[in-house]
Amino acid sequence: MGVVISKPAINIREQLTELKATQGYEERQFHFDNLVTNGTFDTDTDWTKGTGWTINTTTNVAECDGTQTANTDLSQALSGIQAGRVYRVSTQLTLSAGIFRFAFFDGANSVSPDFNSSGDAVYYYTAARDTVSVAGRGTAAFVGSIDNFSIYEVDPSDNKVIHTMPKGWKPLHVFEDGALQREGSAYDYTVEYDGFNYIVKETVAPVAPYSTTVIGVRA
């Protein structure tokens, strides 16, 4: 003797809609970008250029030809900086002569150590004030170019780039330039909670124009 059990078909879309309606389920998309505008130098409008600096919109780099006076800057005023927080500032150098420094103007000028060879230049900076202008500073006779200028907030305990979710939200899915990332310390990112906010921490430091998109849900 057989027993036949009949169950109605389940419509997953209807079930999800009902769940959202009854449980207060809500999703939202958040974008976390490099704090610098146009760190890839594909236009000539976002940076204040000192003597000798030009923006090459064909190769998308900032170039300096060695004719500048000492310590001439390629600068940009920043928003989104918060005093006391630590930031990772980086660029890619192609250097022929002179030296390159990162410079910060936030009431008391701060200048990084010298970079005098081609390659990645990276510096960690603690903001003294909420208002800051950051510059790529070339000394006299500085000849070369910079690309992918970026500034991201980092966790000062390990210098990993972090993205803080708005209060009341936690991450569901994380995308880097449209690619779905994997959670875990051995993969792409980890999630931490500081008692107030959820924080997405990158396992590999990004460069401009790297952007992070997080699909968040109500915590």
N, C-alpha and C. Protein backbone atom coordinates (compact mmCIF):
# COMPACT_ATOMS: atom_id res chain seq x y z
N MET A 1 0.86 -1.18 0.00
CA MET A 1 0.00 0.00 0.00
C MET A 1 0.89 1.24 0.00
N GLY A 2 0.68 2.10 -0.96
CA GLY A 2 1.47 3.31 -1.05
C GLY A 2 0.77 4.51 -0.46
N VAL A 3 1.57 5.48 -0.05
CA VAL A 3 1.04 6.73 0.50
C VAL A 3 1.48 7.87 -0.42
N VAL A 4 0.53 8.61 -0.89
CA VAL A 4 0.83 9.73 -1.77
C VAL A 4 0.71 11.04 -0.99
N ILE A 5 1.79 11.81 -1.00
CA ILE A 5 1.79 13.10 -0.31
C ILE A 5 1.82 14.20 -1.36
N SER A 6 0.89 15.06 -1.29
CA SER A 6 0.80 16.13 -2.27
C SER A 6 1.15 17.46 -1.61
N LYS A 7 2.12 18.19 -2.21
CA LYS A 7 2.50 19.51 -1.71
C LYS A 7 2.36 20.53 -2.82
N PRO A 8 1.89 21.70 -2.49
CA PRO A 8 1.78 22.73 -3.54
C PRO A 8 3.16 23.21 -3.96
N ALA A 9 3.29 23.62 -5.20
CA ALA A 9 4.55 24.18 -5.70
C ALA A 9 4.86 25.49 -4.97
N ILE A 10 6.14 25.71 -4.70
CA ILE A 10 6.56 26.91 -3.98
C ILE A 10 7.10 27.93 -4.99
N ASN A 11 6.58 29.12 -4.93
CA ASN A 11 7.07 30.21 -5.75
C ASN A 11 8.06 31.01 -4.91
N ILE A 12 9.36 30.84 -5.22
CA ILE A 12 10.40 31.46 -4.40
C ILE A 12 10.27 32.97 -4.39
N ARG A 13 9.96 33.57 -5.54
CA ARG A 13 9.83 35.02 -5.61
C ARG A 13 8.71 35.51 -4.69
N GLU A 14 7.58 34.78 -4.68
CA GLU A 14 6.47 35.17 -3.81
C GLU A 14 6.86 35.01 -2.35
N GLN A 15 7.60 33.95 -2.04
CA GLN A 15 8.03 33.72 -0.66
C GLN A 15 8.95 34.85 -0.18
N LEU A 16 9.86 35.27 -1.05
CA LEU A 16 10.78 36.34 -0.67
C LEU A 16 10.02 37.65 -0.48
N THR A 17 9.08 37.92 -1.36
CA THR A 17 8.27 39.13 -1.23
C THR A 17 7.51 39.14 0.09
N GLU A 18 6.95 37.98 0.45
CA GLU A 18 6.21 37.88 1.70
C GLU A 18 7.14 38.06 2.90
N LEU A 19 8.35 37.49 2.81
CA LEU A 19 9.33 37.63 3.89
C LEU A 19 9.70 39.08 4.09
N LYS A 20 9.97 39.79 2.99
CA LYS A 20 10.32 41.20 3.08
C LYS A 20 9.20 42.01 3.72
N ALA A 21 7.97 41.67 3.39
CA ALA A 21 6.83 42.42 3.91
C ALA A 21 6.59 42.16 5.39
N THR A 22 6.83 40.92 5.84
CA THR A 22 6.50 40.58 7.23
C THR A 22 7.67 40.76 8.19
N GLN A 23 8.91 40.69 7.70
CA GLN A 23 10.07 40.74 8.59
C GLN A 23 10.84 42.05 8.51
N GLY A 24 10.37 42.99 7.71
CA GLY A 24 11.08 44.25 7.60
C GLY A 24 12.41 44.13 6.87
N TYR A 25 12.50 43.13 6.00
CA TYR A 25 13.73 42.89 5.25
C TYR A 25 13.97 44.04 4.27
N GLU A 26 15.20 44.54 4.24
CA GLU A 26 15.52 45.65 3.35
C GLU A 26 16.96 45.53 2.88
N GLU A 27 17.16 45.72 1.58
CA GLU A 27 18.50 45.75 0.99
C GLU A 27 18.79 47.13 0.44
N ARG A 28 20.09 47.46 0.43
CA ARG A 28 20.49 48.74 -0.17
C ARG A 28 21.92 48.59 -0.69
N GLN A 29 22.22 49.34 -1.73
CA GLN A 29 23.54 49.29 -2.34
C GLN A 29 24.37 50.48 -1.87
N PHE A 30 25.62 50.19 -1.47
CA PHE A 30 26.53 51.23 -1.01
C PHE A 30 27.81 51.19 -1.84
N HIS A 31 28.33 52.37 -2.18
CA HIS A 31 29.56 52.47 -2.96
C HIS A 31 30.67 53.06 -2.09
N PHE A 32 31.85 52.46 -2.18
CA PHE A 32 33.01 52.95 -1.44
C PHE A 32 34.16 53.13 -2.44
N ASP A 33 34.51 54.39 -2.70
CA ASP A 33 35.52 54.69 -3.69
C ASP A 33 36.75 55.33 -3.05
N ASN A 34 37.80 55.36 -3.82
CA ASN A 34 39.00 56.12 -3.50
C ASN A 34 38.60 57.56 -3.16
N LEU A 35 39.17 58.16 -2.11
CA LEU A 35 38.81 59.52 -1.70
C LEU A 35 39.28 60.58 -2.68
N VAL A 36 40.27 60.25 -3.52
CA VAL A 36 40.77 61.20 -4.50
C VAL A 36 39.88 61.19 -5.74
N THR A 37 39.59 62.38 -6.27
CA THR A 37 38.85 62.48 -7.53
C THR A 37 39.83 62.36 -8.70
N ASN A 38 39.51 61.48 -9.62
CA ASN A 38 40.31 61.31 -10.84
C ASN A 38 41.76 60.94 -10.54
N GLY A 39 41.95 59.85 -9.82
CA GLY A 39 43.30 59.37 -9.54
C GLY A 39 43.96 58.72 -10.72
N THR A 40 43.23 58.58 -11.83
CA THR A 40 43.82 57.99 -13.03
C THR A 40 44.16 59.04 -14.08
N PHE A 41 43.88 60.32 -13.79
CA PHE A 41 44.31 61.45 -14.63
C PHE A 41 43.82 61.35 -16.08
N ASP A 42 42.52 61.03 -16.24
CA ASP A 42 41.99 60.96 -17.59
C ASP A 42 41.34 62.28 -18.03
N THR A 43 41.32 63.28 -17.14
CA THR A 43 40.90 64.64 -17.52
C THR A 43 41.89 65.63 -16.93
N ASP A 44 41.75 66.89 -17.31
CA ASP A 44 42.69 67.92 -16.87
C ASP A 44 42.00 68.93 -15.96
N THR A 45 40.97 68.50 -15.24
CA THR A 45 40.14 69.47 -14.52
C THR A 45 40.10 69.29 -13.01
N ASP A 46 40.60 68.20 -12.47
CA ASP A 46 40.39 67.90 -11.05
C ASP A 46 41.58 68.25 -10.15
N TRP A 47 42.73 68.52 -10.74
CA TRP A 47 43.93 68.76 -9.96
C TRP A 47 44.44 70.19 -10.18
N THR A 48 44.99 70.79 -9.13
CA THR A 48 45.68 72.08 -9.25
C THR A 48 47.14 71.80 -9.56
N LYS A 49 47.62 72.30 -10.68
CA LYS A 49 48.94 71.94 -11.18
C LYS A 49 49.94 73.07 -10.95
N GLY A 50 51.06 72.75 -10.30
CA GLY A 50 52.14 73.70 -10.14
C GLY A 50 52.99 73.75 -11.40
N THR A 51 54.01 74.61 -11.38
CA THR A 51 54.88 74.78 -12.54
C THR A 51 55.52 73.45 -12.96
N GLY A 52 55.40 73.15 -14.24
CA GLY A 52 56.03 71.94 -14.76
C GLY A 52 55.14 70.73 -14.83
N TRP A 53 54.00 70.78 -14.14
CA TRP A 53 53.07 69.64 -14.15
C TRP A 53 52.06 69.78 -15.29
N THR A 54 51.80 68.69 -15.98
CA THR A 54 50.74 68.61 -16.98
C THR A 54 50.00 67.29 -16.82
N ILE A 55 48.74 67.27 -17.27
CA ILE A 55 47.97 66.04 -17.28
C ILE A 55 47.91 65.55 -18.72
N ASN A 56 48.45 64.38 -18.96
CA ASN A 56 48.44 63.79 -20.29
C ASN A 56 47.18 62.93 -20.43
N THR A 57 46.18 63.46 -21.11
CA THR A 57 44.90 62.75 -21.22
C THR A 57 44.91 61.69 -22.32
N THR A 58 46.05 61.53 -22.98
CA THR A 58 46.20 60.43 -23.93
C THR A 58 46.68 59.17 -23.22
N THR A 59 47.70 59.35 -22.36
CA THR A 59 48.22 58.22 -21.59
C THR A 59 47.61 58.14 -20.19
N ASN A 60 46.82 59.17 -19.81
CA ASN A 60 46.13 59.21 -18.52
C ASN A 60 47.09 59.17 -17.34
N VAL A 61 48.12 60.01 -17.40
CA VAL A 61 49.06 60.14 -16.29
C VAL A 61 49.33 61.63 -16.05
N ALA A 62 49.86 61.95 -14.87
CA ALA A 62 50.33 63.29 -14.57
C ALA A 62 51.84 63.32 -14.78
N GLU A 63 52.31 64.28 -15.56
CA GLU A 63 53.72 64.33 -15.93
C GLU A 63 54.37 65.60 -15.40
N CYS A 64 55.65 65.49 -15.04
CA CYS A 64 56.43 66.65 -14.62
C CYS A 64 57.73 66.65 -15.42
N ASP A 65 58.08 67.82 -15.97
CA ASP A 65 59.17 67.87 -16.96
C ASP A 65 60.49 68.39 -16.44
N GLY A 66 60.59 68.68 -15.15
CA GLY A 66 61.87 69.12 -14.60
C GLY A 66 62.10 70.61 -14.65
N THR A 67 61.13 71.37 -15.15
CA THR A 67 61.31 72.82 -15.23
C THR A 67 60.68 73.54 -14.04
N GLN A 68 60.09 72.81 -13.11
CA GLN A 68 59.38 73.43 -11.99
C GLN A 68 60.36 73.98 -10.96
N THR A 69 59.84 74.89 -10.14
CA THR A 69 60.61 75.34 -8.99
C THR A 69 60.58 74.26 -7.93
N ALA A 70 61.40 74.41 -6.89
CA ALA A 70 61.48 73.38 -5.84
C ALA A 70 60.12 73.18 -5.18
N ASN A 71 59.81 71.93 -4.91
CA ASN A 71 58.61 71.55 -4.17
C ASN A 71 57.31 72.10 -4.79
N THR A 72 57.20 71.95 -6.10
CA THR A 72 55.97 72.32 -6.78
C THR A 72 55.01 71.13 -6.73
N ASP A 73 53.75 71.43 -6.42
CA ASP A 73 52.79 70.36 -6.14
C ASP A 73 51.76 70.16 -7.23
N LEU A 74 51.29 68.95 -7.32
CA LEU A 74 50.08 68.60 -8.05
C LEU A 74 49.07 68.25 -6.97
N SER A 75 48.12 69.13 -6.68
CA SER A 75 47.35 69.01 -5.44
C SER A 75 45.85 68.93 -5.68
N GLN A 76 45.16 68.46 -4.63
CA GLN A 76 43.71 68.34 -4.65
C GLN A 76 43.18 68.42 -3.21
N ALA A 77 42.16 69.26 -3.01
CA ALA A 77 41.51 69.33 -1.70
C ALA A 77 40.59 68.12 -1.55
N LEU A 78 40.55 67.55 -0.35
CA LEU A 78 39.80 66.33 -0.11
C LEU A 78 38.65 66.54 0.85
N SER A 79 37.57 65.82 0.61
CA SER A 79 36.50 65.69 1.59
C SER A 79 36.43 64.23 2.02
N GLY A 80 35.78 63.97 3.14
CA GLY A 80 35.69 62.60 3.62
C GLY A 80 36.80 62.20 4.57
N ILE A 81 37.79 63.06 4.74
CA ILE A 81 38.87 62.82 5.71
C ILE A 81 38.35 63.12 7.11
N GLN A 82 38.76 62.32 8.10
CA GLN A 82 38.39 62.59 9.48
C GLN A 82 39.65 62.58 10.35
N ALA A 83 39.78 63.59 11.16
CA ALA A 83 40.95 63.72 12.03
C ALA A 83 41.11 62.50 12.91
N GLY A 84 42.35 62.06 13.06
CA GLY A 84 42.66 60.92 13.92
C GLY A 84 42.63 59.58 13.22
N ARG A 85 42.05 59.53 12.04
CA ARG A 85 42.00 58.27 11.29
C ARG A 85 43.23 58.13 10.40
N VAL A 86 43.54 56.89 10.06
CA VAL A 86 44.75 56.59 9.29
C VAL A 86 44.37 56.27 7.85
N TYR A 87 45.16 56.79 6.91
CA TYR A 87 44.86 56.63 5.49
C TYR A 87 46.08 56.09 4.75
N ARG A 88 45.80 55.27 3.75
CA ARG A 88 46.84 54.73 2.88
C ARG A 88 46.86 55.56 1.59
N VAL A 89 47.97 56.21 1.32
CA VAL A 89 48.12 57.04 0.13
C VAL A 89 49.11 56.33 -0.78
N SER A 90 48.74 56.18 -2.06
CA SER A 90 49.64 55.45 -2.95
C SER A 90 49.56 56.00 -4.36
N THR A 91 50.60 55.78 -5.12
CA THR A 91 50.62 56.09 -6.55
C THR A 91 51.65 55.19 -7.21
N GLN A 92 51.62 55.17 -8.53
CA GLN A 92 52.59 54.41 -9.30
C GLN A 92 53.50 55.41 -10.01
N LEU A 93 54.78 55.30 -9.76
CA LEU A 93 55.77 56.25 -10.27
C LEU A 93 56.53 55.71 -11.46
N THR A 94 56.75 56.59 -12.44
CA THR A 94 57.75 56.37 -13.48
C THR A 94 58.70 57.56 -13.38
N LEU A 95 59.86 57.34 -12.80
CA LEU A 95 60.73 58.43 -12.38
C LEU A 95 62.04 58.41 -13.16
N SER A 96 62.38 59.59 -13.73
CA SER A 96 63.64 59.71 -14.47
C SER A 96 64.69 60.51 -13.71
N ALA A 97 64.25 61.52 -12.94
CA ALA A 97 65.19 62.36 -12.20
C ALA A 97 64.48 63.01 -11.02
N GLY A 98 65.26 63.39 -10.00
CA GLY A 98 64.69 64.05 -8.83
C GLY A 98 64.06 63.06 -7.87
N ILE A 99 63.28 63.58 -6.91
CA ILE A 99 62.60 62.73 -5.94
C ILE A 99 61.14 63.16 -5.83
N PHE A 100 60.34 62.25 -5.32
CA PHE A 100 58.90 62.45 -5.18
C PHE A 100 58.51 62.27 -3.73
N ARG A 101 57.56 63.11 -3.28
CA ARG A 101 57.05 62.98 -1.91
C ARG A 101 55.53 63.13 -1.93
N PHE A 102 54.88 62.57 -0.93
CA PHE A 102 53.50 62.91 -0.64
C PHE A 102 53.51 64.11 0.31
N ALA A 103 52.64 65.07 0.09
CA ALA A 103 52.56 66.24 0.96
C ALA A 103 51.11 66.43 1.42
N PHE A 104 50.93 66.83 2.67
CA PHE A 104 49.61 67.03 3.26
C PHE A 104 49.55 68.41 3.88
N PHE A 105 48.46 69.10 3.64
CA PHE A 105 48.30 70.46 4.15
C PHE A 105 47.00 70.51 4.96
N ASP A 106 47.14 70.44 6.26
CA ASP A 106 45.96 70.41 7.14
C ASP A 106 46.18 71.30 8.35
N GLY A 107 46.79 72.45 8.13
CA GLY A 107 47.09 73.36 9.22
C GLY A 107 48.55 73.34 9.57
N ALA A 108 49.14 72.14 9.55
CA ALA A 108 50.58 71.99 9.75
C ALA A 108 51.07 71.05 8.66
N ASN A 109 51.89 71.56 7.76
CA ASN A 109 52.32 70.75 6.61
C ASN A 109 53.05 69.49 7.06
N SER A 110 52.76 68.40 6.38
CA SER A 110 53.42 67.13 6.66
C SER A 110 53.89 66.55 5.34
N VAL A 111 55.12 66.07 5.30
CA VAL A 111 55.70 65.55 4.07
C VAL A 111 56.24 64.15 4.33
N SER A 112 55.99 63.24 3.39
CA SER A 112 56.44 61.86 3.54
C SER A 112 57.93 61.74 3.28
N PRO A 113 58.50 60.57 3.55
CA PRO A 113 59.88 60.31 3.13
C PRO A 113 59.99 60.36 1.61
N ASP A 114 61.24 60.41 1.11
CA ASP A 114 61.47 60.51 -0.32
C ASP A 114 61.26 59.18 -1.04
N PHE A 115 60.76 59.29 -2.28
CA PHE A 115 60.71 58.15 -3.18
C PHE A 115 61.55 58.54 -4.40
N ASN A 116 62.58 57.76 -4.70
CA ASN A 116 63.52 58.16 -5.75
C ASN A 116 63.73 57.08 -6.81
N SER A 117 62.74 56.21 -6.99
CA SER A 117 62.84 55.20 -8.04
C SER A 117 61.44 54.89 -8.56
N SER A 118 61.37 54.33 -9.74
CA SER A 118 60.08 53.96 -10.33
C SER A 118 59.47 52.79 -9.55
N GLY A 119 58.14 52.70 -9.59
CA GLY A 119 57.44 51.62 -8.90
C GLY A 119 56.31 52.16 -8.05
N ASP A 120 55.83 51.34 -7.14
CA ASP A 120 54.73 51.74 -6.25
C ASP A 120 55.26 52.56 -5.09
N ALA A 121 54.65 53.72 -4.87
CA ALA A 121 54.99 54.56 -3.72
C ALA A 121 53.80 54.54 -2.77
N VAL A 122 54.03 54.11 -1.53
CA VAL A 122 52.95 53.95 -0.55
C VAL A 122 53.35 54.62 0.75
N TYR A 123 52.40 55.35 1.35
CA TYR A 123 52.65 56.05 2.60
C TYR A 123 51.38 56.01 3.45
N TYR A 124 51.54 55.84 4.75
CA TYR A 124 50.41 55.82 5.69
C TYR A 124 50.41 57.12 6.49
N TYR A 125 49.27 57.75 6.56
CA TYR A 125 49.16 59.11 7.10
C TYR A 125 48.01 59.20 8.08
N THR A 126 48.27 59.77 9.26
CA THR A 126 47.22 60.03 10.25
C THR A 126 46.76 61.47 10.10
N ALA A 127 45.49 61.68 9.81
CA ALA A 127 44.97 63.03 9.58
C ALA A 127 44.95 63.82 10.88
N ALA A 128 45.43 65.05 10.81
CA ALA A 128 45.42 65.93 11.97
C ALA A 128 44.13 66.74 12.05
N ARG A 129 43.50 66.97 10.89
CA ARG A 129 42.26 67.74 10.84
C ARG A 129 41.33 67.14 9.80
N ASP A 130 40.06 67.56 9.84
CA ASP A 130 39.09 67.05 8.87
C ASP A 130 39.28 67.68 7.49
N THR A 131 39.89 68.83 7.43
CA THR A 131 40.13 69.51 6.17
C THR A 131 41.58 69.29 5.76
N VAL A 132 41.79 68.77 4.55
CA VAL A 132 43.16 68.48 4.12
C VAL A 132 43.26 68.63 2.61
N SER A 133 44.42 69.08 2.18
CA SER A 133 44.76 69.04 0.76
C SER A 133 45.96 68.13 0.63
N VAL A 134 45.90 67.21 -0.33
CA VAL A 134 47.00 66.27 -0.51
C VAL A 134 47.66 66.57 -1.85
N ALA A 135 48.97 66.35 -1.91
CA ALA A 135 49.71 66.66 -3.14
C ALA A 135 50.75 65.61 -3.44
N GLY A 136 51.02 65.48 -4.73
CA GLY A 136 52.22 64.80 -5.17
C GLY A 136 53.26 65.88 -5.36
N ARG A 137 54.33 65.84 -4.61
CA ARG A 137 55.30 66.92 -4.60
C ARG A 137 56.61 66.47 -5.25
N GLY A 138 57.00 67.19 -6.30
CA GLY A 138 58.28 66.90 -6.94
C GLY A 138 59.29 67.96 -6.57
N THR A 139 60.50 67.54 -6.25
CA THR A 139 61.57 68.52 -5.99
C THR A 139 62.03 69.11 -7.32
N ALA A 140 62.85 70.14 -7.22
CA ALA A 140 63.40 70.76 -8.43
C ALA A 140 64.09 69.68 -9.27
N ALA A 141 63.89 69.78 -10.58
CA ALA A 141 64.43 68.82 -11.56
C ALA A 141 63.72 67.47 -11.50
N PHE A 142 62.55 67.42 -10.86
CA PHE A 142 61.78 66.18 -10.86
C PHE A 142 61.24 65.92 -12.27
N VAL A 143 61.60 64.77 -12.81
CA VAL A 143 61.15 64.38 -14.14
C VAL A 143 60.52 63.00 -14.04
N GLY A 144 59.27 62.89 -14.45
CA GLY A 144 58.60 61.59 -14.40
C GLY A 144 57.10 61.74 -14.47
N SER A 145 56.41 60.66 -14.19
CA SER A 145 54.95 60.67 -14.23
C SER A 145 54.40 59.85 -13.08
N ILE A 146 53.14 60.16 -12.71
CA ILE A 146 52.46 59.39 -11.68
C ILE A 146 51.10 58.96 -12.22
N ASP A 147 50.64 57.82 -11.72
CA ASP A 147 49.36 57.27 -12.15
C ASP A 147 48.72 56.58 -10.96
N ASN A 148 47.41 56.37 -11.05
CA ASN A 148 46.66 55.64 -10.02
C ASN A 148 46.92 56.19 -8.63
N PHE A 149 46.70 57.47 -8.47
CA PHE A 149 46.84 58.13 -7.17
C PHE A 149 45.59 57.81 -6.34
N SER A 150 45.76 57.23 -5.15
CA SER A 150 44.60 56.80 -4.36
C SER A 150 44.80 57.05 -2.88
N ILE A 151 43.68 57.26 -2.19
CA ILE A 151 43.67 57.40 -0.74
C ILE A 151 42.48 56.61 -0.19
N TYR A 152 42.77 55.68 0.72
CA TYR A 152 41.74 54.89 1.37
C TYR A 152 41.99 54.89 2.88
N GLU A 153 40.92 54.80 3.65
CA GLU A 153 41.08 54.64 5.09
C GLU A 153 41.54 53.22 5.40
N VAL A 154 42.38 53.09 6.44
CA VAL A 154 42.87 51.77 6.83
C VAL A 154 42.67 51.54 8.33
N ASP A 155 42.70 50.28 8.71
CA ASP A 155 42.71 49.89 10.12
C ASP A 155 44.13 50.08 10.62
N PRO A 156 44.37 50.96 11.61
CA PRO A 156 45.74 51.22 12.05
C PRO A 156 46.44 50.02 12.68
N SER A 157 45.68 48.99 13.05
CA SER A 157 46.31 47.82 13.66
C SER A 157 47.05 46.96 12.65
N ASP A 158 46.62 47.01 11.37
CA ASP A 158 47.27 46.17 10.37
C ASP A 158 47.38 46.83 9.00
N ASN A 159 46.95 48.10 8.90
CA ASN A 159 47.04 48.88 7.65
C ASN A 159 46.22 48.28 6.50
N LYS A 160 45.19 47.50 6.81
CA LYS A 160 44.30 46.99 5.79
C LYS A 160 43.23 48.03 5.46
N VAL A 161 42.92 48.17 4.17
CA VAL A 161 41.89 49.12 3.74
C VAL A 161 40.53 48.68 4.28
N ILE A 162 39.76 49.64 4.82
CA ILE A 162 38.45 49.33 5.39
C ILE A 162 37.37 50.20 4.77
N HIS A 163 36.15 49.68 4.77
CA HIS A 163 34.96 50.40 4.34
C HIS A 163 33.92 50.25 5.43
N THR A 164 33.56 51.35 6.07
CA THR A 164 32.63 51.30 7.20
C THR A 164 31.20 51.44 6.70
N MET A 165 30.37 50.47 7.06
CA MET A 165 28.96 50.52 6.67
C MET A 165 28.23 51.59 7.47
N PRO A 166 27.20 52.21 6.90
CA PRO A 166 26.39 53.15 7.68
C PRO A 166 25.77 52.44 8.88
N LYS A 167 25.57 53.19 9.95
CA LYS A 167 25.03 52.60 11.18
C LYS A 167 23.68 51.94 10.89
N GLY A 168 23.52 50.72 11.39
CA GLY A 168 22.27 49.99 11.19
C GLY A 168 22.27 49.06 10.00
N TRP A 169 23.41 49.00 9.27
CA TRP A 169 23.51 48.14 8.10
C TRP A 169 24.68 47.18 8.22
N LYS A 170 24.53 45.99 7.66
CA LYS A 170 25.62 45.02 7.62
C LYS A 170 25.74 44.48 6.19
N PRO A 171 26.94 44.06 5.79
CA PRO A 171 27.14 43.62 4.40
C PRO A 171 26.53 42.25 4.12
N LEU A 172 25.94 42.13 2.94
CA LEU A 172 25.42 40.85 2.46
C LEU A 172 26.31 40.30 1.36
N HIS A 173 26.57 41.13 0.33
CA HIS A 173 27.46 40.76 -0.76
C HIS A 173 28.43 41.92 -1.02
N VAL A 174 29.66 41.59 -1.38
CA VAL A 174 30.69 42.59 -1.66
C VAL A 174 31.20 42.37 -3.09
N PHE A 175 31.27 43.45 -3.85
CA PHE A 175 31.75 43.39 -5.23
C PHE A 175 32.93 44.36 -5.40
N GLU A 176 33.93 43.95 -6.16
CA GLU A 176 35.04 44.82 -6.54
C GLU A 176 34.99 44.99 -8.05
N ASP A 177 34.73 46.23 -8.48
CA ASP A 177 34.60 46.51 -9.91
C ASP A 177 33.66 45.52 -10.59
N GLY A 178 32.56 45.19 -9.91
CA GLY A 178 31.53 44.33 -10.46
C GLY A 178 31.72 42.85 -10.23
N ALA A 179 32.88 42.44 -9.71
CA ALA A 179 33.16 41.02 -9.48
C ALA A 179 32.80 40.65 -8.03
N LEU A 180 31.99 39.61 -7.86
CA LEU A 180 31.60 39.15 -6.53
C LEU A 180 32.82 38.64 -5.78
N GLN A 181 33.00 39.10 -4.54
CA GLN A 181 34.15 38.74 -3.72
C GLN A 181 33.78 37.64 -2.71
N ARG A 182 34.81 36.97 -2.20
CA ARG A 182 34.62 35.89 -1.23
C ARG A 182 35.03 36.36 0.15
N GLU A 183 34.20 36.06 1.14
CA GLU A 183 34.51 36.45 2.51
C GLU A 183 35.47 35.44 3.14
N GLY A 184 36.41 35.95 3.91
CA GLY A 184 37.35 35.10 4.63
C GLY A 184 38.75 35.67 4.57
N SER A 185 39.52 35.46 5.63
CA SER A 185 40.86 36.05 5.70
C SER A 185 41.79 35.50 4.62
N ALA A 186 41.50 34.31 4.10
CA ALA A 186 42.32 33.73 3.05
C ALA A 186 41.81 34.11 1.66
N TYR A 187 40.73 34.89 1.63
CA TYR A 187 40.13 35.24 0.35
C TYR A 187 40.19 36.74 0.11
N ASP A 188 39.02 37.39 -0.09
CA ASP A 188 39.02 38.77 -0.55
C ASP A 188 38.76 39.81 0.53
N TYR A 189 37.98 39.46 1.54
CA TYR A 189 37.64 40.44 2.58
C TYR A 189 37.15 39.72 3.84
N THR A 190 37.19 40.45 4.94
CA THR A 190 36.59 39.98 6.18
C THR A 190 35.60 41.04 6.67
N VAL A 191 34.72 40.64 7.57
CA VAL A 191 33.74 41.56 8.15
C VAL A 191 33.99 41.63 9.65
N GLU A 192 34.08 42.87 10.17
CA GLU A 192 34.26 43.08 11.60
C GLU A 192 33.15 43.99 12.13
N TYR A 193 32.92 43.90 13.42
CA TYR A 193 31.91 44.73 14.07
C TYR A 193 32.56 45.39 15.27
N ASP A 194 32.52 46.72 15.33
CA ASP A 194 33.20 47.45 16.40
C ASP A 194 32.27 47.83 17.55
N GLY A 195 31.09 47.27 17.54
CA GLY A 195 30.10 47.61 18.57
C GLY A 195 29.11 48.65 18.11
N PHE A 196 29.45 49.34 17.03
CA PHE A 196 28.58 50.37 16.48
C PHE A 196 28.29 50.13 14.99
N ASN A 197 29.34 49.79 14.24
CA ASN A 197 29.21 49.65 12.80
C ASN A 197 29.88 48.37 12.31
N TYR A 198 29.37 47.85 11.21
CA TYR A 198 30.03 46.74 10.51
C TYR A 198 31.07 47.32 9.55
N ILE A 199 32.20 46.64 9.47
CA ILE A 199 33.33 47.12 8.66
C ILE A 199 33.77 46.02 7.70
N VAL A 200 33.86 46.36 6.42
CA VAL A 200 34.40 45.45 5.42
C VAL A 200 35.89 45.75 5.28
N LYS A 201 36.72 44.73 5.49
CA LYS A 201 38.18 44.93 5.44
C LYS A 201 38.75 44.15 4.27
N GLU A 202 39.45 44.87 3.39
CA GLU A 202 40.08 44.26 2.22
C GLU A 202 41.29 43.43 2.64
N THR A 203 41.48 42.27 2.01
CA THR A 203 42.70 41.50 2.28
C THR A 203 43.84 41.92 1.36
N VAL A 204 43.53 42.55 0.22
CA VAL A 204 44.53 43.07 -0.70
C VAL A 204 44.23 44.55 -0.93
N ALA A 205 45.22 45.40 -0.77
CA ALA A 205 45.00 46.84 -0.91
C ALA A 205 44.62 47.21 -2.33
N PRO A 206 43.57 48.01 -2.51
CA PRO A 206 43.16 48.42 -3.86
C PRO A 206 43.99 49.58 -4.38
N VAL A 207 43.90 49.81 -5.68
CA VAL A 207 44.49 51.00 -6.31
C VAL A 207 43.42 51.67 -7.15
N ALA A 208 43.61 52.96 -7.44
CA ALA A 208 42.66 53.67 -8.30
C ALA A 208 42.68 53.04 -9.69
N PRO A 209 41.52 52.93 -10.38
CA PRO A 209 40.20 53.40 -9.96
C PRO A 209 39.35 52.30 -9.33
N TYR A 210 39.97 51.47 -8.52
CA TYR A 210 39.33 50.38 -7.82
C TYR A 210 38.14 50.89 -7.01
N SER A 211 36.99 50.25 -7.08
CA SER A 211 35.83 50.67 -6.30
C SER A 211 35.14 49.45 -5.70
N THR A 212 34.58 49.63 -4.53
CA THR A 212 33.89 48.58 -3.81
C THR A 212 32.41 48.88 -3.73
N THR A 213 31.59 47.92 -4.06
CA THR A 213 30.15 48.04 -3.93
C THR A 213 29.67 46.97 -2.96
N VAL A 214 28.88 47.38 -1.98
CA VAL A 214 28.37 46.45 -0.98
C VAL A 214 26.85 46.44 -1.02
N ILE A 215 26.27 45.26 -1.13
CA ILE A 215 24.83 45.10 -0.95
C ILE A 215 24.62 44.86 0.55
N GLY A 216 23.98 45.79 1.20
CA GLY A 216 23.78 45.70 2.64
C GLY A 216 22.34 45.38 3.01
N VAL A 217 22.17 44.81 4.19
CA VAL A 217 20.83 44.54 4.74
C VAL A 217 20.74 45.19 6.11
N ARG A 218 19.55 45.46 6.54
CA ARG A 218 19.33 46.03 7.86
C ARG A 218 19.85 45.07 8.93
N ALA A 219 20.66 45.62 9.84
CA ALA A 219 21.25 44.78 10.89
C ALA A 219 20.21 44.47 11.97
